[in-house]
N, C-alpha and C. Protein backbone atom coordinates (compact mmCIF):
# COMPACT_ATOMS: atom_id res chain seq x y z
N MET A 1 -12.97 9.83 -8.74
CA MET A 1 -12.94 8.74 -7.80
C MET A 1 -11.80 8.98 -6.79
N ARG A 2 -12.15 8.87 -5.54
CA ARG A 2 -11.16 9.03 -4.47
C ARG A 2 -10.95 7.67 -3.82
N ARG A 3 -9.70 7.38 -3.52
CA ARG A 3 -9.38 6.14 -2.81
C ARG A 3 -8.96 6.49 -1.38
N ILE A 4 -9.52 5.75 -0.44
CA ILE A 4 -9.22 5.94 0.98
C ILE A 4 -8.61 4.65 1.49
N TYR A 5 -7.43 4.75 2.07
CA TYR A 5 -6.73 3.59 2.60
C TYR A 5 -6.62 3.73 4.11
N ILE A 6 -7.14 2.75 4.82
CA ILE A 6 -7.05 2.73 6.28
C ILE A 6 -6.07 1.62 6.64
N VAL A 7 -4.94 2.01 7.23
CA VAL A 7 -3.83 1.08 7.42
C VAL A 7 -3.73 0.64 8.88
N ASP A 8 -3.75 -0.67 9.09
CA ASP A 8 -3.54 -1.30 10.38
C ASP A 8 -2.03 -1.42 10.58
N THR A 9 -1.39 -0.39 11.14
CA THR A 9 0.07 -0.35 11.20
C THR A 9 0.67 -1.36 12.16
N GLU A 10 -0.13 -1.93 13.05
CA GLU A 10 0.39 -2.99 13.92
C GLU A 10 0.53 -4.29 13.13
N ASN A 11 -0.23 -4.43 12.08
CA ASN A 11 -0.33 -5.67 11.34
C ASN A 11 0.43 -5.62 10.01
N VAL A 12 0.60 -4.43 9.46
CA VAL A 12 1.17 -4.28 8.13
C VAL A 12 2.66 -3.96 8.23
N LYS A 13 3.43 -4.71 7.47
CA LYS A 13 4.87 -4.44 7.39
C LYS A 13 5.13 -3.63 6.12
N SER A 14 6.36 -3.41 5.80
CA SER A 14 6.74 -2.58 4.65
C SER A 14 6.04 -2.97 3.36
N GLU A 15 5.86 -4.27 3.13
CA GLU A 15 5.24 -4.74 1.89
C GLU A 15 3.83 -4.19 1.72
N GLY A 16 3.14 -3.93 2.80
CA GLY A 16 1.77 -3.41 2.72
C GLY A 16 1.67 -2.02 2.12
N TYR A 17 2.77 -1.28 2.16
CA TYR A 17 2.79 0.08 1.64
C TYR A 17 3.21 0.15 0.18
N GLU A 18 3.58 -1.00 -0.41
CA GLU A 18 4.01 -0.99 -1.81
C GLU A 18 2.90 -0.41 -2.68
N GLY A 19 3.24 0.61 -3.43
CA GLY A 19 2.28 1.30 -4.27
C GLY A 19 1.96 2.70 -3.77
N ILE A 20 2.44 3.05 -2.59
CA ILE A 20 2.07 4.35 -2.01
C ILE A 20 2.60 5.52 -2.84
N THR A 21 3.72 5.34 -3.53
CA THR A 21 4.25 6.43 -4.35
C THR A 21 3.47 6.60 -5.65
N ALA A 22 2.63 5.64 -5.99
CA ALA A 22 1.81 5.74 -7.20
C ALA A 22 0.47 6.41 -6.92
N LEU A 23 0.17 6.71 -5.67
CA LEU A 23 -1.10 7.35 -5.33
C LEU A 23 -1.09 8.82 -5.74
N SER A 24 -2.28 9.37 -5.92
CA SER A 24 -2.40 10.77 -6.34
C SER A 24 -2.78 11.66 -5.16
N HIS A 25 -2.81 12.95 -5.41
CA HIS A 25 -3.14 13.92 -4.36
C HIS A 25 -4.59 13.82 -3.90
N THR A 26 -5.44 13.15 -4.67
CA THR A 26 -6.84 12.97 -4.25
C THR A 26 -7.01 11.76 -3.33
N ASP A 27 -6.00 10.91 -3.25
CA ASP A 27 -6.06 9.72 -2.41
C ASP A 27 -5.72 10.09 -0.96
N GLU A 28 -6.24 9.31 -0.05
CA GLU A 28 -6.03 9.56 1.37
C GLU A 28 -5.57 8.27 2.04
N VAL A 29 -4.53 8.37 2.87
CA VAL A 29 -4.01 7.24 3.60
C VAL A 29 -4.09 7.59 5.09
N ILE A 30 -4.83 6.78 5.84
CA ILE A 30 -4.97 7.00 7.27
C ILE A 30 -4.20 5.91 7.99
N LEU A 31 -3.16 6.32 8.70
CA LEU A 31 -2.31 5.38 9.42
C LEU A 31 -2.78 5.27 10.86
N PHE A 32 -3.35 4.13 11.22
CA PHE A 32 -3.74 3.88 12.61
C PHE A 32 -2.52 3.35 13.34
N THR A 33 -2.00 4.12 14.29
CA THR A 33 -0.75 3.77 14.96
C THR A 33 -0.94 3.59 16.46
N THR A 34 -0.05 2.80 17.04
CA THR A 34 0.06 2.64 18.49
C THR A 34 1.55 2.50 18.81
N LYS A 35 1.85 2.29 20.06
CA LYS A 35 3.25 2.08 20.45
C LYS A 35 3.81 0.78 19.85
N ASN A 36 2.94 -0.08 19.35
CA ASN A 36 3.36 -1.34 18.74
C ASN A 36 3.54 -1.24 17.22
N SER A 37 3.47 -0.04 16.69
CA SER A 37 3.55 0.18 15.23
C SER A 37 4.95 0.59 14.81
N ASN A 38 5.86 -0.33 14.84
CA ASN A 38 7.23 0.02 14.47
C ASN A 38 7.83 -1.05 13.56
N ASN A 39 7.12 -1.37 12.51
CA ASN A 39 7.55 -2.48 11.67
C ASN A 39 7.72 -2.13 10.19
N VAL A 40 8.18 -0.92 9.88
CA VAL A 40 8.48 -0.57 8.49
C VAL A 40 9.94 -0.17 8.36
N SER A 41 10.47 -0.39 7.19
CA SER A 41 11.86 -0.03 6.91
C SER A 41 11.99 1.48 6.72
N VAL A 42 13.21 1.95 6.77
CA VAL A 42 13.48 3.37 6.53
C VAL A 42 13.06 3.73 5.11
N GLU A 43 13.34 2.83 4.15
CA GLU A 43 12.97 3.09 2.75
C GLU A 43 11.46 3.27 2.62
N THR A 44 10.70 2.45 3.33
CA THR A 44 9.24 2.56 3.28
C THR A 44 8.78 3.87 3.90
N ALA A 45 9.39 4.25 5.02
CA ALA A 45 9.06 5.53 5.65
C ALA A 45 9.31 6.69 4.70
N ILE A 46 10.39 6.61 3.93
CA ILE A 46 10.69 7.65 2.93
C ILE A 46 9.63 7.65 1.84
N ASP A 47 9.26 6.46 1.36
CA ASP A 47 8.21 6.37 0.33
C ASP A 47 6.90 6.97 0.84
N ILE A 48 6.55 6.71 2.09
CA ILE A 48 5.32 7.27 2.66
C ILE A 48 5.40 8.79 2.67
N SER A 49 6.53 9.32 3.09
CA SER A 49 6.66 10.78 3.16
C SER A 49 6.73 11.42 1.78
N ASN A 50 7.16 10.67 0.76
CA ASN A 50 7.24 11.20 -0.60
C ASN A 50 5.95 11.01 -1.40
N SER A 51 4.99 10.32 -0.84
CA SER A 51 3.73 10.07 -1.55
C SER A 51 2.97 11.37 -1.78
N LYS A 52 2.28 11.44 -2.90
CA LYS A 52 1.42 12.60 -3.19
C LYS A 52 0.11 12.53 -2.43
N ALA A 53 -0.22 11.34 -1.91
CA ALA A 53 -1.48 11.15 -1.19
C ALA A 53 -1.50 11.99 0.09
N GLN A 54 -2.70 12.26 0.54
CA GLN A 54 -2.88 12.93 1.83
C GLN A 54 -2.66 11.88 2.91
N ILE A 55 -1.65 12.07 3.74
CA ILE A 55 -1.31 11.11 4.79
C ILE A 55 -1.80 11.67 6.12
N LYS A 56 -2.58 10.87 6.84
CA LYS A 56 -3.07 11.28 8.16
C LYS A 56 -2.72 10.19 9.15
N LYS A 57 -2.49 10.60 10.39
CA LYS A 57 -2.17 9.65 11.44
C LYS A 57 -3.23 9.71 12.52
N VAL A 58 -3.71 8.55 12.94
CA VAL A 58 -4.65 8.44 14.04
C VAL A 58 -3.96 7.61 15.11
N ILE A 59 -3.81 8.16 16.29
CA ILE A 59 -3.16 7.44 17.38
C ILE A 59 -4.22 6.65 18.14
N GLY A 60 -4.04 5.33 18.12
CA GLY A 60 -4.99 4.44 18.78
C GLY A 60 -4.57 4.10 20.19
N SER A 61 -5.51 3.57 20.93
CA SER A 61 -5.26 3.13 22.31
C SER A 61 -4.94 1.65 22.31
N THR A 62 -4.19 1.23 23.31
CA THR A 62 -3.86 -0.19 23.49
C THR A 62 -4.32 -0.62 24.88
N GLY A 63 -4.10 -1.88 25.19
CA GLY A 63 -4.42 -2.36 26.53
C GLY A 63 -5.32 -3.58 26.54
N THR A 64 -6.03 -3.82 25.46
CA THR A 64 -6.86 -5.02 25.36
C THR A 64 -6.56 -5.69 24.02
N PRO A 65 -6.81 -7.01 23.94
CA PRO A 65 -6.57 -7.69 22.66
C PRO A 65 -7.42 -7.07 21.54
N ASN A 66 -6.81 -6.91 20.39
CA ASN A 66 -7.47 -6.38 19.18
C ASN A 66 -8.00 -4.95 19.34
N ALA A 67 -7.43 -4.21 20.26
CA ALA A 67 -7.91 -2.85 20.51
C ALA A 67 -7.86 -1.99 19.24
N LEU A 68 -6.76 -2.05 18.51
CA LEU A 68 -6.64 -1.23 17.32
C LEU A 68 -7.64 -1.67 16.24
N ASP A 69 -7.87 -2.96 16.12
CA ASP A 69 -8.83 -3.47 15.14
C ASP A 69 -10.23 -2.90 15.40
N PHE A 70 -10.63 -2.84 16.67
CA PHE A 70 -11.95 -2.29 17.00
C PHE A 70 -12.02 -0.80 16.66
N GLN A 71 -10.94 -0.08 16.90
CA GLN A 71 -10.93 1.35 16.58
C GLN A 71 -10.96 1.58 15.08
N ILE A 72 -10.24 0.76 14.35
CA ILE A 72 -10.27 0.85 12.88
C ILE A 72 -11.68 0.56 12.36
N THR A 73 -12.32 -0.46 12.92
CA THR A 73 -13.67 -0.82 12.49
C THR A 73 -14.65 0.32 12.76
N ALA A 74 -14.54 0.95 13.92
CA ALA A 74 -15.42 2.10 14.23
C ALA A 74 -15.18 3.23 13.23
N TYR A 75 -13.91 3.51 12.94
CA TYR A 75 -13.57 4.57 11.99
C TYR A 75 -14.08 4.22 10.59
N LEU A 76 -13.92 2.96 10.22
CA LEU A 76 -14.40 2.50 8.91
C LEU A 76 -15.89 2.76 8.77
N GLY A 77 -16.66 2.41 9.79
CA GLY A 77 -18.10 2.65 9.76
C GLY A 77 -18.43 4.12 9.58
N MET A 78 -17.70 4.97 10.28
CA MET A 78 -17.92 6.42 10.15
C MET A 78 -17.59 6.89 8.73
N ARG A 79 -16.46 6.44 8.18
CA ARG A 79 -16.07 6.87 6.83
C ARG A 79 -17.04 6.37 5.77
N VAL A 80 -17.50 5.14 5.91
CA VAL A 80 -18.45 4.59 4.95
C VAL A 80 -19.73 5.40 4.96
N SER A 81 -20.20 5.78 6.13
CA SER A 81 -21.45 6.53 6.22
C SER A 81 -21.32 7.92 5.61
N LYS A 82 -20.10 8.47 5.57
CA LYS A 82 -19.87 9.80 5.01
C LYS A 82 -19.34 9.78 3.58
N SER A 83 -18.99 8.60 3.08
CA SER A 83 -18.34 8.54 1.77
C SER A 83 -19.35 8.68 0.63
N LYS A 84 -18.80 9.11 -0.50
CA LYS A 84 -19.60 9.18 -1.73
C LYS A 84 -19.62 7.80 -2.37
N ASP A 85 -20.57 7.57 -3.23
CA ASP A 85 -20.66 6.28 -3.90
C ASP A 85 -19.45 5.98 -4.77
N THR A 86 -18.75 7.03 -5.21
CA THR A 86 -17.59 6.83 -6.08
C THR A 86 -16.31 6.58 -5.29
N ASP A 87 -16.31 6.82 -3.98
CA ASP A 87 -15.12 6.58 -3.16
C ASP A 87 -14.85 5.08 -3.05
N GLU A 88 -13.59 4.73 -3.12
CA GLU A 88 -13.19 3.35 -2.87
C GLU A 88 -12.48 3.33 -1.53
N ILE A 89 -12.87 2.42 -0.65
CA ILE A 89 -12.29 2.37 0.69
C ILE A 89 -11.61 1.02 0.86
N TYR A 90 -10.36 1.07 1.30
CA TYR A 90 -9.56 -0.13 1.49
C TYR A 90 -9.03 -0.18 2.91
N ILE A 91 -9.12 -1.35 3.52
CA ILE A 91 -8.39 -1.59 4.77
C ILE A 91 -7.15 -2.37 4.36
N ILE A 92 -6.00 -1.86 4.77
CA ILE A 92 -4.74 -2.53 4.49
C ILE A 92 -4.38 -3.31 5.75
N SER A 93 -4.51 -4.63 5.67
CA SER A 93 -4.24 -5.48 6.82
C SER A 93 -4.22 -6.93 6.36
N ALA A 94 -3.53 -7.77 7.11
CA ALA A 94 -3.56 -9.21 6.87
C ALA A 94 -4.56 -9.87 7.81
N ASP A 95 -5.24 -9.07 8.62
CA ASP A 95 -6.20 -9.58 9.60
C ASP A 95 -7.54 -9.84 8.93
N LYS A 96 -7.93 -11.09 8.81
CA LYS A 96 -9.17 -11.48 8.14
C LYS A 96 -10.42 -11.09 8.93
N GLY A 97 -10.28 -10.71 10.19
CA GLY A 97 -11.43 -10.32 11.00
C GLY A 97 -12.18 -9.13 10.43
N PHE A 98 -11.51 -8.32 9.63
CA PHE A 98 -12.17 -7.16 9.03
C PHE A 98 -13.22 -7.56 7.99
N ASP A 99 -13.12 -8.77 7.46
CA ASP A 99 -14.10 -9.24 6.47
C ASP A 99 -15.53 -9.17 7.01
N VAL A 100 -15.73 -9.51 8.28
CA VAL A 100 -17.06 -9.50 8.88
C VAL A 100 -17.61 -8.07 8.91
N ALA A 101 -16.79 -7.13 9.33
CA ALA A 101 -17.21 -5.72 9.37
C ALA A 101 -17.53 -5.21 7.97
N ILE A 102 -16.72 -5.59 7.00
CA ILE A 102 -16.94 -5.15 5.62
C ILE A 102 -18.25 -5.70 5.08
N ARG A 103 -18.52 -6.97 5.32
CA ARG A 103 -19.79 -7.56 4.87
C ARG A 103 -20.98 -6.83 5.50
N PHE A 104 -20.88 -6.53 6.79
CA PHE A 104 -21.94 -5.81 7.48
C PHE A 104 -22.17 -4.44 6.84
N LEU A 105 -21.09 -3.70 6.61
CA LEU A 105 -21.21 -2.36 6.03
C LEU A 105 -21.74 -2.41 4.60
N ARG A 106 -21.30 -3.39 3.82
CA ARG A 106 -21.81 -3.53 2.45
C ARG A 106 -23.32 -3.77 2.46
N ASN A 107 -23.77 -4.62 3.35
CA ASN A 107 -25.19 -4.95 3.42
C ASN A 107 -26.05 -3.78 3.91
N HIS A 108 -25.57 -3.05 4.88
CA HIS A 108 -26.38 -2.00 5.49
C HIS A 108 -26.26 -0.64 4.80
N PHE A 109 -25.17 -0.43 4.06
CA PHE A 109 -25.01 0.84 3.35
C PHE A 109 -25.07 0.64 1.84
N GLU A 110 -25.26 -0.60 1.41
CA GLU A 110 -25.35 -0.94 -0.01
C GLU A 110 -24.18 -0.37 -0.82
N LYS A 111 -22.99 -0.55 -0.27
CA LYS A 111 -21.79 -0.10 -0.96
C LYS A 111 -20.87 -1.29 -1.18
N GLU A 112 -20.49 -1.45 -2.42
CA GLU A 112 -19.61 -2.56 -2.78
C GLU A 112 -18.15 -2.12 -2.87
N ASN A 113 -17.90 -0.88 -2.56
CA ASN A 113 -16.58 -0.30 -2.78
C ASN A 113 -15.69 -0.33 -1.54
N ILE A 114 -15.88 -1.32 -0.67
CA ILE A 114 -15.08 -1.49 0.53
C ILE A 114 -14.36 -2.83 0.40
N ARG A 115 -13.03 -2.80 0.56
CA ARG A 115 -12.28 -4.04 0.40
C ARG A 115 -11.17 -4.15 1.43
N LEU A 116 -10.83 -5.39 1.76
CA LEU A 116 -9.68 -5.71 2.59
C LEU A 116 -8.59 -6.20 1.66
N ILE A 117 -7.43 -5.55 1.69
CA ILE A 117 -6.30 -5.98 0.86
C ILE A 117 -5.03 -5.97 1.72
N LYS A 118 -4.04 -6.73 1.30
CA LYS A 118 -2.80 -6.84 2.08
C LYS A 118 -1.79 -5.75 1.75
N ALA A 119 -1.94 -5.11 0.60
CA ALA A 119 -0.99 -4.07 0.19
C ALA A 119 -1.67 -3.09 -0.75
N ILE A 120 -1.22 -1.87 -0.74
CA ILE A 120 -1.81 -0.81 -1.56
C ILE A 120 -1.80 -1.18 -3.04
N HIS A 121 -0.73 -1.81 -3.50
CA HIS A 121 -0.63 -2.07 -4.95
C HIS A 121 -1.74 -2.97 -5.48
N TYR A 122 -2.41 -3.74 -4.62
CA TYR A 122 -3.53 -4.57 -5.09
C TYR A 122 -4.71 -3.73 -5.57
N SER A 123 -4.75 -2.47 -5.22
CA SER A 123 -5.86 -1.60 -5.63
C SER A 123 -5.54 -0.80 -6.88
N LEU A 124 -4.35 -0.94 -7.41
CA LEU A 124 -3.89 -0.10 -8.52
C LEU A 124 -3.99 -0.81 -9.86
N ASP A 125 -4.12 -0.01 -10.92
CA ASP A 125 -4.16 -0.51 -12.29
C ASP A 125 -2.72 -0.75 -12.75
N LYS A 126 -2.29 -1.99 -12.72
CA LYS A 126 -0.90 -2.30 -13.04
C LYS A 126 -0.60 -2.29 -14.53
N ASP A 127 -1.63 -2.05 -15.35
CA ASP A 127 -1.40 -1.87 -16.78
C ASP A 127 -0.96 -0.45 -17.10
N ASP A 128 -1.18 0.47 -16.17
CA ASP A 128 -0.77 1.86 -16.33
C ASP A 128 0.75 1.93 -16.16
N LEU A 129 1.44 2.40 -17.20
CA LEU A 129 2.91 2.41 -17.17
C LEU A 129 3.48 3.30 -16.06
N ASN A 130 2.80 4.41 -15.73
CA ASN A 130 3.28 5.27 -14.65
C ASN A 130 3.20 4.54 -13.31
N ILE A 131 2.12 3.82 -13.10
CA ILE A 131 1.97 3.06 -11.86
C ILE A 131 3.00 1.94 -11.80
N LYS A 132 3.14 1.23 -12.90
CA LYS A 132 4.12 0.15 -12.96
C LYS A 132 5.53 0.68 -12.67
N SER A 133 5.84 1.83 -13.24
CA SER A 133 7.14 2.44 -13.02
C SER A 133 7.33 2.82 -11.54
N SER A 134 6.30 3.40 -10.93
CA SER A 134 6.38 3.77 -9.50
C SER A 134 6.60 2.54 -8.63
N LEU A 135 5.90 1.46 -8.93
CA LEU A 135 6.05 0.24 -8.15
C LEU A 135 7.45 -0.34 -8.27
N ILE A 136 7.99 -0.32 -9.46
CA ILE A 136 9.35 -0.83 -9.66
C ILE A 136 10.36 0.07 -8.95
N ARG A 137 10.16 1.37 -9.03
CA ARG A 137 11.05 2.29 -8.30
C ARG A 137 11.04 2.01 -6.81
N GLU A 138 9.86 1.78 -6.25
CA GLU A 138 9.78 1.47 -4.82
C GLU A 138 10.57 0.22 -4.49
N ARG A 139 10.42 -0.80 -5.31
CA ARG A 139 11.11 -2.05 -5.03
C ARG A 139 12.61 -1.94 -5.26
N MET A 140 13.03 -0.99 -6.08
CA MET A 140 14.44 -0.79 -6.34
C MET A 140 15.08 0.13 -5.31
N HIS A 141 14.27 0.84 -4.57
CA HIS A 141 14.75 1.85 -3.62
C HIS A 141 15.89 1.28 -2.76
N GLY A 142 16.99 1.96 -2.78
CA GLY A 142 18.10 1.55 -1.95
C GLY A 142 19.03 0.54 -2.60
N TYR A 143 18.69 -0.02 -3.75
CA TYR A 143 19.51 -1.04 -4.38
C TYR A 143 20.31 -0.53 -5.57
N TYR A 144 19.72 0.38 -6.32
CA TYR A 144 20.29 0.69 -7.62
C TYR A 144 20.19 2.18 -7.85
N LYS A 145 21.31 2.85 -7.78
CA LYS A 145 21.26 4.30 -7.93
C LYS A 145 22.38 4.76 -8.87
N ASP A 146 22.09 4.84 -10.14
CA ASP A 146 23.02 5.44 -11.07
C ASP A 146 22.26 6.02 -12.25
N GLU A 147 22.99 6.53 -13.23
CA GLU A 147 22.35 7.26 -14.32
C GLU A 147 21.53 6.36 -15.24
N THR A 148 21.64 5.04 -15.15
CA THR A 148 20.89 4.16 -16.04
C THR A 148 19.57 3.69 -15.44
N ILE A 149 19.15 4.27 -14.35
CA ILE A 149 17.90 3.83 -13.69
C ILE A 149 16.70 3.94 -14.64
N GLU A 150 16.63 5.01 -15.43
CA GLU A 150 15.51 5.17 -16.36
C GLU A 150 15.50 4.05 -17.40
N THR A 151 16.65 3.69 -17.91
CA THR A 151 16.75 2.60 -18.88
C THR A 151 16.32 1.28 -18.24
N PHE A 152 16.76 1.07 -17.02
CA PHE A 152 16.43 -0.15 -16.28
C PHE A 152 14.92 -0.26 -16.09
N ILE A 153 14.28 0.83 -15.66
CA ILE A 153 12.83 0.85 -15.45
C ILE A 153 12.10 0.64 -16.77
N GLU A 154 12.55 1.32 -17.81
CA GLU A 154 11.92 1.20 -19.13
C GLU A 154 11.94 -0.25 -19.62
N LYS A 155 13.05 -0.92 -19.37
CA LYS A 155 13.20 -2.32 -19.79
C LYS A 155 12.11 -3.18 -19.15
N TYR A 156 11.83 -2.97 -17.87
CA TYR A 156 10.88 -3.83 -17.17
C TYR A 156 9.43 -3.38 -17.36
N THR A 157 9.16 -2.10 -17.50
CA THR A 157 7.78 -1.66 -17.69
C THR A 157 7.28 -2.00 -19.08
N SER A 158 8.17 -2.18 -20.02
CA SER A 158 7.74 -2.50 -21.38
C SER A 158 7.29 -3.96 -21.50
N ASP A 159 7.61 -4.78 -20.52
CA ASP A 159 7.21 -6.19 -20.56
C ASP A 159 5.80 -6.31 -19.99
N THR A 160 4.80 -6.23 -20.87
CA THR A 160 3.40 -6.23 -20.44
C THR A 160 2.87 -7.64 -20.21
N GLU A 161 3.65 -8.66 -20.54
CA GLU A 161 3.19 -10.03 -20.37
C GLU A 161 3.34 -10.52 -18.94
N LYS A 162 4.16 -9.84 -18.13
CA LYS A 162 4.42 -10.30 -16.77
C LYS A 162 3.56 -9.55 -15.76
N SER A 163 3.15 -10.28 -14.72
CA SER A 163 2.43 -9.65 -13.61
C SER A 163 3.42 -8.83 -12.79
N LEU A 164 2.90 -8.00 -11.89
CA LEU A 164 3.77 -7.20 -11.03
C LEU A 164 4.68 -8.10 -10.21
N GLU A 165 4.15 -9.19 -9.70
CA GLU A 165 4.94 -10.10 -8.88
C GLU A 165 6.09 -10.72 -9.69
N GLU A 166 5.79 -11.11 -10.95
CA GLU A 166 6.83 -11.66 -11.81
C GLU A 166 7.88 -10.59 -12.13
N LEU A 167 7.41 -9.37 -12.39
CA LEU A 167 8.35 -8.27 -12.65
C LEU A 167 9.22 -8.01 -11.43
N ALA A 168 8.59 -8.00 -10.24
CA ALA A 168 9.35 -7.74 -9.02
C ALA A 168 10.44 -8.79 -8.83
N SER A 169 10.10 -10.04 -9.07
CA SER A 169 11.07 -11.11 -8.94
C SER A 169 12.21 -10.94 -9.94
N THR A 170 11.86 -10.61 -11.18
CA THR A 170 12.86 -10.39 -12.23
C THR A 170 13.77 -9.21 -11.87
N VAL A 171 13.16 -8.12 -11.41
CA VAL A 171 13.93 -6.94 -11.02
C VAL A 171 14.85 -7.29 -9.86
N HIS A 172 14.29 -7.97 -8.86
CA HIS A 172 15.08 -8.34 -7.68
C HIS A 172 16.27 -9.20 -8.10
N ASN A 173 16.01 -10.23 -8.92
CA ASN A 173 17.09 -11.10 -9.37
C ASN A 173 18.11 -10.34 -10.20
N GLY A 174 17.64 -9.45 -11.07
CA GLY A 174 18.56 -8.64 -11.87
C GLY A 174 19.44 -7.74 -11.01
N LEU A 175 18.84 -7.13 -10.01
CA LEU A 175 19.60 -6.27 -9.11
C LEU A 175 20.59 -7.09 -8.29
N TYR A 176 20.14 -8.23 -7.79
CA TYR A 176 21.01 -9.10 -7.00
C TYR A 176 22.21 -9.54 -7.83
N ASN A 177 21.96 -9.97 -9.06
CA ASN A 177 23.05 -10.41 -9.93
C ASN A 177 24.02 -9.28 -10.21
N ARG A 178 23.46 -8.09 -10.47
CA ARG A 178 24.31 -6.93 -10.75
C ARG A 178 25.14 -6.56 -9.54
N LEU A 179 24.51 -6.54 -8.37
CA LEU A 179 25.24 -6.17 -7.15
C LEU A 179 26.26 -7.22 -6.77
N SER A 180 25.93 -8.49 -6.95
CA SER A 180 26.88 -9.55 -6.58
C SER A 180 28.10 -9.52 -7.48
N THR A 181 27.97 -9.13 -8.75
CA THR A 181 29.14 -9.03 -9.62
C THR A 181 30.00 -7.85 -9.24
N VAL A 182 29.39 -6.79 -8.71
CA VAL A 182 30.16 -5.63 -8.28
C VAL A 182 30.93 -5.96 -6.99
N ILE A 183 30.32 -6.76 -6.11
CA ILE A 183 30.93 -7.08 -4.81
C ILE A 183 32.10 -8.01 -4.98
N GLN A 184 32.06 -8.94 -5.95
CA GLN A 184 33.13 -9.93 -6.12
C GLN A 184 34.39 -9.36 -6.65
């Protein structure tokens, strides 16, 4: 199974890329960019460059409202027509307008494997400890760098009762508390 992620970089901020370091070499991430695509942190840019996924950039045109959305939709149609039944295709965007295009493609190509999601991590199996560990590492990036990082990650990945969002909050609060005690 191959996962294809088509990213609306004008619409997606750093949070949309959460999970990119958990992707494999068979996954593909297509970044649709324009001059208006400058809304990710340095840490996220590093995570993108460190991903095992195949990263491709498509430079879009601007000048009319929703120009990039129309180009993404055209590309999506092309990819769906060429994709295998086992491929999973995701549009990463907060723009709900893509739902109409997805419904059209599902009906005309009889493929249920096309989804609109706000972040990469929504497509991942969060019960997989390697994925959970990658996601926590991404969220810790830039906050906590010492020899106990493995112990810290192990502590949080072993808690299978919490969702990723609950774990992220716990990790964030734990890091904040640790850093605030060091600063005082």
